[in-house]
Amino acid sequence: MRIGELSARTGVSIRSLRYYEQRGLLTSTRTTGAQRLYPEDAVDRVRMLRRLFDAGLSSETIAALLPCVDTPSDDITVETLEVMRRERERIDAQISALLTTRDHLDALMAGAADHLARQRDDALAATA
């Protein structure tokens, strides 16, 4: 598939797809007219890359992890495993912070709902 179709199917801009390729995160072949052609599995790859970027991983970190994605190979090192562990710990900390923030928002929403209910009840009592 061409870059425009990959962009449409994944929701990722053509510019980002070119960046992924420049960073070695995505590969394509070229037509005789130098147009990029991507295999069908590039859709899943781009979606995975987006998830990793959205989780806060850098392109350098993602590139270091790709040997584990593509198939375990001789490129996997103890350092690669340590990078994955550190990223997982960082993501766990983010999840914990987000859950705490969500709990605070739940409490604020409950307080606001109670306040609005009291106002409504007071207004009804005043008109009765």
Protein backbone atom coordinates (compact mmCIF):
# COMPACT_ATOMS: atom_id res chain seq x y z
CA MET A 1 0.00 0.00 0.00
CA ARG A 2 1.12 3.56 -0.57
CA ILE A 3 1.87 6.05 2.16
CA GLY A 4 -1.46 7.87 1.75
CA GLU A 5 -3.43 4.68 2.30
CA LEU A 6 -1.31 3.75 5.33
CA SER A 7 -1.94 7.22 6.72
CA ALA A 8 -5.69 6.92 6.13
CA ARG A 9 -5.92 3.46 7.67
CA THR A 10 -3.94 4.35 10.79
CA GLY A 11 -4.85 7.99 11.33
CA VAL A 12 -1.15 8.87 11.40
CA SER A 13 0.05 11.77 9.26
CA ILE A 14 2.20 11.19 6.21
CA ARG A 15 4.84 13.37 7.85
CA SER A 16 4.90 11.09 10.91
CA LEU A 17 5.14 7.98 8.73
CA ARG A 18 8.15 9.48 6.98
CA TYR A 19 9.67 10.29 10.38
CA TYR A 20 9.13 6.69 11.54
CA GLU A 21 10.90 5.46 8.45
CA GLN A 22 13.74 7.95 8.88
CA ARG A 23 14.22 6.72 12.47
CA GLY A 24 14.25 3.06 11.34
CA LEU A 25 10.94 2.26 13.04
CA LEU A 26 9.10 1.48 9.81
CA THR A 27 10.34 0.19 6.48
CA SER A 28 9.07 0.40 2.95
CA THR A 29 10.14 -0.57 -0.49
CA ARG A 30 10.23 1.88 -3.37
CA THR A 31 8.62 1.76 -6.76
CA THR A 32 10.65 2.69 -9.82
CA GLY A 33 9.07 6.13 -9.39
CA ALA A 34 10.46 6.28 -5.81
CA GLN A 35 7.02 6.00 -4.19
CA ARG A 36 6.94 4.22 -0.86
CA LEU A 37 5.15 0.88 -0.68
CA TYR A 38 4.27 -0.70 2.66
CA PRO A 39 3.25 -4.28 3.40
CA GLU A 40 -0.15 -5.01 4.95
CA ASP A 41 1.40 -5.61 8.39
CA ALA A 42 2.62 -1.99 8.42
CA VAL A 43 -0.87 -1.01 9.68
CA ASP A 44 -0.37 -3.02 12.88
CA ARG A 45 3.19 -1.77 13.22
CA VAL A 46 2.16 1.88 12.96
CA ARG A 47 -0.64 1.36 15.49
CA MET A 48 1.86 -0.22 17.88
CA LEU A 49 4.29 2.65 17.34
CA ARG A 50 1.51 5.14 18.12
CA ARG A 51 0.69 3.32 21.35
CA LEU A 52 4.34 3.42 22.39
CA PHE A 53 4.68 7.12 21.49
CA ASP A 54 1.40 7.90 23.26
CA ALA A 55 2.76 6.15 26.37
CA GLY A 56 5.68 8.57 26.34
CA LEU A 57 8.43 6.42 24.83
CA SER A 58 10.95 8.24 22.67
CA SER A 59 11.84 7.16 19.16
CA GLU A 60 15.28 6.12 20.46
CA THR A 61 13.72 3.90 23.12
CA ILE A 62 11.28 2.41 20.63
CA ALA A 63 14.12 1.66 18.22
CA ALA A 64 15.97 -0.14 21.02
CA LEU A 65 12.90 -2.30 21.70
CA LEU A 66 12.14 -3.24 18.10
CA PRO A 67 14.31 -6.37 18.07
CA CYS A 68 11.88 -7.77 20.64
CA VAL A 69 8.90 -6.82 18.48
CA ASP A 70 10.16 -8.06 15.15
CA THR A 71 11.18 -11.47 16.51
CA PRO A 72 13.62 -12.27 19.21
CA SER A 73 17.03 -11.93 17.68
CA ASP A 74 20.67 -11.60 18.55
CA ASP A 75 20.08 -7.84 18.83
CA ILE A 76 18.30 -8.33 22.16
CA THR A 77 20.59 -7.49 25.06
CA VAL A 78 20.39 -7.23 28.82
CA GLU A 79 20.29 -3.46 28.27
CA THR A 80 17.23 -3.86 26.04
CA LEU A 81 15.44 -5.75 28.79
CA GLU A 82 16.44 -3.08 31.33
CA VAL A 83 15.06 -0.33 29.07
CA MET A 84 11.77 -2.21 28.90
CA ARG A 85 11.69 -2.61 32.69
CA ARG A 86 12.37 1.10 33.24
CA GLU A 87 9.67 2.10 30.76
CA ARG A 88 7.19 -0.24 32.40
CA GLU A 89 7.97 1.23 35.83
CA ARG A 90 7.56 4.75 34.43
CA ILE A 91 4.21 3.82 32.88
CA ASP A 92 3.09 2.17 36.13
CA ALA A 93 3.90 5.42 37.97
CA GLN A 94 1.91 7.39 35.39
CA ILE A 95 -1.04 5.03 35.79
CA SER A 96 -0.89 5.40 39.56
CA ALA A 97 -0.80 9.19 39.30
CA LEU A 98 -3.70 9.17 36.84
CA LEU A 99 -5.77 6.93 39.13
CA THR A 100 -5.12 9.28 42.05
CA THR A 101 -6.14 12.25 39.91
CA ARG A 102 -9.28 10.42 38.79
CA ASP A 103 -10.18 9.69 42.43
CA HIS A 104 -9.76 13.39 43.27
CA LEU A 105 -11.98 14.33 40.34
CA ASP A 106 -14.60 11.81 41.49
CA ALA A 107 -14.62 13.44 44.93
CA LEU A 108 -14.88 16.92 43.42
CA MET A 109 -17.72 15.82 41.15
CA ALA A 110 -19.58 14.24 44.07
CA GLY A 111 -19.18 17.44 46.10
CA ALA A 112 -20.36 19.58 43.20
CA ALA A 113 -23.37 17.30 42.59
CA ASP A 114 -24.30 17.45 46.28
CA HIS A 115 -24.00 21.24 46.24
CA LEU A 116 -26.23 21.53 43.16
CA ALA A 117 -28.78 19.18 44.70
CA ARG A 118 -28.88 21.29 47.89
CA GLN A 119 -29.31 24.45 45.85
CA ARG A 120 -32.17 22.84 43.92
CA ASP A 121 -33.80 21.61 47.15
CA ASP A 122 -33.41 25.06 48.75
CA ALA A 123 -34.94 26.71 45.69
CA LEU A 124 -37.87 24.29 45.74
CA ALA A 125 -38.40 24.84 49.48
CA ALA A 126 -38.35 28.62 48.99
CA THR A 127 -41.12 28.45 46.38
CA ALA A 128 -43.28 26.11 48.41
